[in-house]
PDB file of N, CA and C in Angstrom:
ATOM      1  N   MET A   1       9.058   0.398   1.061  1.00  0.00           N
ATOM      2  CA  MET A   1       9.342   0.713  -0.342  1.00  0.00           C
ATOM      3  C   MET A   1       8.910   2.136  -0.682  1.00  0.00           C
ATOM      4  N   ASP A   2       7.810   2.587  -0.107  1.00  0.00           N
ATOM      5  CA  ASP A   2       7.309   3.919  -0.442  1.00  0.00           C
ATOM      6  C   ASP A   2       8.230   5.019   0.063  1.00  0.00           C
ATOM      7  N   LYS A   3       9.171   4.674   0.954  1.00  0.00           N
ATOM      8  CA  LYS A   3      10.119   5.680   1.451  1.00  0.00           C
ATOM      9  C   LYS A   3      11.210   5.966   0.421  1.00  0.00           C
ATOM     10  N   VAL A   4      11.414   5.022  -0.509  1.00  0.00           N
ATOM     11  CA  VAL A   4      12.458   5.202  -1.522  1.00  0.00           C
ATOM     12  C   VAL A   4      11.929   6.080  -2.645  1.00  0.00           C
ATOM     13  N   ILE A   5      12.612   7.182  -2.881  1.00  0.00           N
ATOM     14  CA  ILE A   5      12.183   8.117  -3.925  1.00  0.00           C
ATOM     15  C   ILE A   5      13.238   8.136  -5.033  1.00  0.00           C
ATOM     16  N   ILE A   6      12.809   7.837  -6.240  1.00  0.00           N
ATOM     17  CA  ILE A   6      13.714   7.903  -7.397  1.00  0.00           C
ATOM     18  C   ILE A   6      13.327   9.136  -8.204  1.00  0.00           C
ATOM     19  N   ASN A   7      14.240  10.092  -8.279  1.00  0.00           N
ATOM     20  CA  ASN A   7      13.908  11.325  -9.004  1.00  0.00           C
ATOM     21  C   ASN A   7      14.081  11.144 -10.508  1.00  0.00           C
ATOM     22  N   SER A   8      13.575  12.099 -11.263  1.00  0.00           N
ATOM     23  CA  SER A   8      13.577  11.992 -12.722  1.00  0.00           C
ATOM     24  C   SER A   8      14.993  11.955 -13.280  1.00  0.00           C
ATOM     25  N   GLN A   9      15.928  12.647 -12.624  1.00  0.00           N
ATOM     26  CA  GLN A   9      17.317  12.629 -13.079  1.00  0.00           C
ATOM     27  C   GLN A   9      17.877  11.218 -13.015  1.00  0.00           C
ATOM     28  N   ALA A  10      17.622  10.537 -11.901  1.00  0.00           N
ATOM     29  CA  ALA A  10      18.108   9.173 -11.735  1.00  0.00           C
ATOM     30  C   ALA A  10      17.498   8.258 -12.798  1.00  0.00           C
ATOM     31  N   LEU A  11      16.205   8.439 -13.052  1.00  0.00           N
ATOM     32  CA  LEU A  11      15.539   7.623 -14.070  1.00  0.00           C
ATOM     33  C   LEU A  11      16.145   7.877 -15.451  1.00  0.00           C
ATOM     34  N   GLN A  12      16.428   9.137 -15.744  1.00  0.00           N
ATOM     35  CA  GLN A  12      17.026   9.481 -17.036  1.00  0.00           C
ATOM     36  C   GLN A  12      18.397   8.823 -17.175  1.00  0.00           C
ATOM     37  N   MET A  13      19.173   8.851 -16.099  1.00  0.00           N
ATOM     38  CA  MET A  13      20.495   8.215 -16.106  1.00  0.00           C
ATOM     39  C   MET A  13      20.360   6.718 -16.355  1.00  0.00           C
ATOM     40  N   LEU A  14      19.360   6.092 -15.738  1.00  0.00           N
ATOM     41  CA  LEU A  14      19.149   4.658 -15.924  1.00  0.00           C
ATOM     42  C   LEU A  14      18.805   4.344 -17.378  1.00  0.00           C
ATOM     43  N   LYS A  15      17.984   5.188 -17.987  1.00  0.00           N
ATOM     44  CA  LYS A  15      17.589   4.970 -19.376  1.00  0.00           C
ATOM     45  C   LYS A  15      18.801   5.055 -20.301  1.00  0.00           C
ATOM     46  N   GLU A  16      19.718   5.968 -20.000  1.00  0.00           N
ATOM     47  CA  GLU A  16      20.860   6.210 -20.878  1.00  0.00           C
ATOM     48  C   GLU A  16      22.012   5.250 -20.603  1.00  0.00           C
ATOM     49  N   SER A  17      22.010   4.611 -19.444  1.00  0.00           N
ATOM     50  CA  SER A  17      23.126   3.755 -19.072  1.00  0.00           C
ATOM     51  C   SER A  17      22.940   2.323 -19.558  1.00  0.00           C
ATOM     52  N   SER A  18      23.995   1.538 -19.426  1.00  0.00           N
ATOM     53  CA  SER A  18      23.973   0.151 -19.874  1.00  0.00           C
ATOM     54  C   SER A  18      23.225  -0.725 -18.873  1.00  0.00           C
ATOM     55  N   PRO A  19      22.753  -1.895 -19.307  1.00  0.00           N
ATOM     56  CA  PRO A  19      22.056  -2.822 -18.399  1.00  0.00           C
ATOM     57  C   PRO A  19      22.878  -3.156 -17.158  1.00  0.00           C
ATOM     58  N   LYS A  20      24.186  -3.306 -17.310  1.00  0.00           N
ATOM     59  CA  LYS A  20      25.049  -3.621 -16.159  1.00  0.00           C
ATOM     60  C   LYS A  20      24.964  -2.516 -15.113  1.00  0.00           C
ATOM     61  N   ALA A  21      24.982  -1.274 -15.576  1.00  0.00           N
ATOM     62  CA  ALA A  21      24.915  -0.135 -14.654  1.00  0.00           C
ATOM     63  C   ALA A  21      23.554  -0.095 -13.960  1.00  0.00           C
ATOM     64  N   VAL A  22      22.502  -0.429 -14.701  1.00  0.00           N
ATOM     65  CA  VAL A  22      21.149  -0.449 -14.122  1.00  0.00           C
ATOM     66  C   VAL A  22      21.070  -1.500 -13.025  1.00  0.00           C
ATOM     67  N   ILE A  23      21.613  -2.688 -13.308  1.00  0.00           N
ATOM     68  CA  ILE A  23      21.598  -3.775 -12.322  1.00  0.00           C
ATOM     69  C   ILE A  23      22.375  -3.357 -11.077  1.00  0.00           C
ATOM     70  N   LYS A  24      23.532  -2.740 -11.287  1.00  0.00           N
ATOM     71  CA  LYS A  24      24.357  -2.295 -10.154  1.00  0.00           C
ATOM     72  C   LYS A  24      23.602  -1.276  -9.317  1.00  0.00           C
ATOM     73  N   TYR A  25      22.902  -0.356  -9.987  1.00  0.00           N
ATOM     74  CA  TYR A  25      22.117   0.666  -9.294  1.00  0.00           C
ATOM     75  C   TYR A  25      20.992   0.024  -8.486  1.00  0.00           C
ATOM     76  N   LEU A  26      20.313  -0.948  -9.091  1.00  0.00           N
ATOM     77  CA  LEU A  26      19.204  -1.624  -8.401  1.00  0.00           C
ATOM     78  C   LEU A  26      19.726  -2.398  -7.191  1.00  0.00           C
ATOM     79  N   GLN A  27      20.867  -3.072  -7.350  1.00  0.00           N
ATOM     80  CA  GLN A  27      21.459  -3.813  -6.227  1.00  0.00           C
ATOM     81  C   GLN A  27      21.804  -2.850  -5.099  1.00  0.00           C
ATOM     82  N   TYR A  28      22.355  -1.689  -5.446  1.00  0.00           N
ATOM     83  CA  TYR A  28      22.701  -0.680  -4.449  1.00  0.00           C
ATOM     84  C   TYR A  28      21.443  -0.190  -3.731  1.00  0.00           C
ATOM     85  N   THR A  29      20.383   0.056  -4.499  1.00  0.00           N
ATOM     86  CA  THR A  29      19.113   0.518  -3.924  1.00  0.00           C
ATOM     87  C   THR A  29      18.563  -0.507  -2.945  1.00  0.00           C
ATOM     88  N   VAL A  30      18.571  -1.787  -3.348  1.00  0.00           N
ATOM     89  CA  VAL A  30      18.085  -2.867  -2.481  1.00  0.00           C
ATOM     90  C   VAL A  30      18.936  -2.919  -1.219  1.00  0.00           C
ATOM     91  N   CYS A  31      20.243  -2.758  -1.375  1.00  0.00           N
ATOM     92  CA  CYS A  31      21.159  -2.776  -0.228  1.00  0.00           C
ATOM     93  C   CYS A  31      20.791  -1.666   0.751  1.00  0.00           C
ATOM     94  N   VAL A  32      20.528  -0.481   0.240  1.00  0.00           N
ATOM     95  CA  VAL A  32      20.148   0.660   1.086  1.00  0.00           C
ATOM     96  C   VAL A  32      18.831   0.377   1.800  1.00  0.00           C
ATOM     97  N   ILE A  33      17.876  -0.205   1.056  1.00  0.00           N
ATOM     98  CA  ILE A  33      16.572  -0.537   1.654  1.00  0.00           C
ATOM     99  C   ILE A  33      16.763  -1.540   2.790  1.00  0.00           C
ATOM    100  N   GLU A  34      17.574  -2.562   2.562  1.00  0.00           N
ATOM    101  CA  GLU A  34      17.813  -3.582   3.591  1.00  0.00           C
ATOM    102  C   GLU A  34      18.453  -2.946   4.821  1.00  0.00           C
ATOM    103  N   GLN A  35      19.417  -2.060   4.613  1.00  0.00           N
ATOM    104  CA  GLN A  35      20.073  -1.380   5.739  1.00  0.00           C
ATOM    105  C   GLN A  35      19.057  -0.536   6.496  1.00  0.00           C
ATOM    106  N   GLY A  36      18.170   0.121   5.762  1.00  0.00           N
ATOM    107  CA  GLY A  36      17.129   0.943   6.381  1.00  0.00           C
ATOM    108  C   GLY A  36      16.220   0.093   7.254  1.00  0.00           C
ATOM    109  N   LYS A  37      15.875  -1.116   6.783  1.00  0.00           N
ATOM    110  CA  LYS A  37      15.023  -2.012   7.563  1.00  0.00           C
ATOM    111  C   LYS A  37      15.725  -2.416   8.859  1.00  0.00           C
ATOM    112  N   LYS A  38      17.023  -2.716   8.745  1.00  0.00           N
ATOM    113  CA  LYS A  38      17.789  -3.117   9.933  1.00  0.00           C
ATOM    114  C   LYS A  38      17.810  -2.003  10.970  1.00  0.00           C
ATOM    115  N   ILE A  39      17.950  -0.768  10.490  1.00  0.00           N
ATOM    116  CA  ILE A  39      17.999   0.380  11.401  1.00  0.00           C
ATOM    117  C   ILE A  39      16.630   0.583  12.055  1.00  0.00           C
ATOM    118  N   GLU A  40      15.554   0.369  11.283  1.00  0.00           N
ATOM    119  CA  GLU A  40      14.200   0.579  11.804  1.00  0.00           C
ATOM    120  C   GLU A  40      13.858  -0.421  12.902  1.00  0.00           C
ATOM    121  N   TYR A  41      14.287  -1.682  12.717  1.00  0.00           N
ATOM    122  CA  TYR A  41      13.878  -2.721  13.671  1.00  0.00           C
ATOM    123  C   TYR A  41      14.691  -2.708  14.947  1.00  0.00           C
TER     124      TYR A  41
END
């Protein structure tokens, strides 16, 4: 988890966007993290 860096721009976009967009972004982030784990192992 500590490898994932969310910059201030991304956070600002999340604040301004709708809940649906936030959920989609979080799902995408989790997907990337899972792929990263698969590559590491």
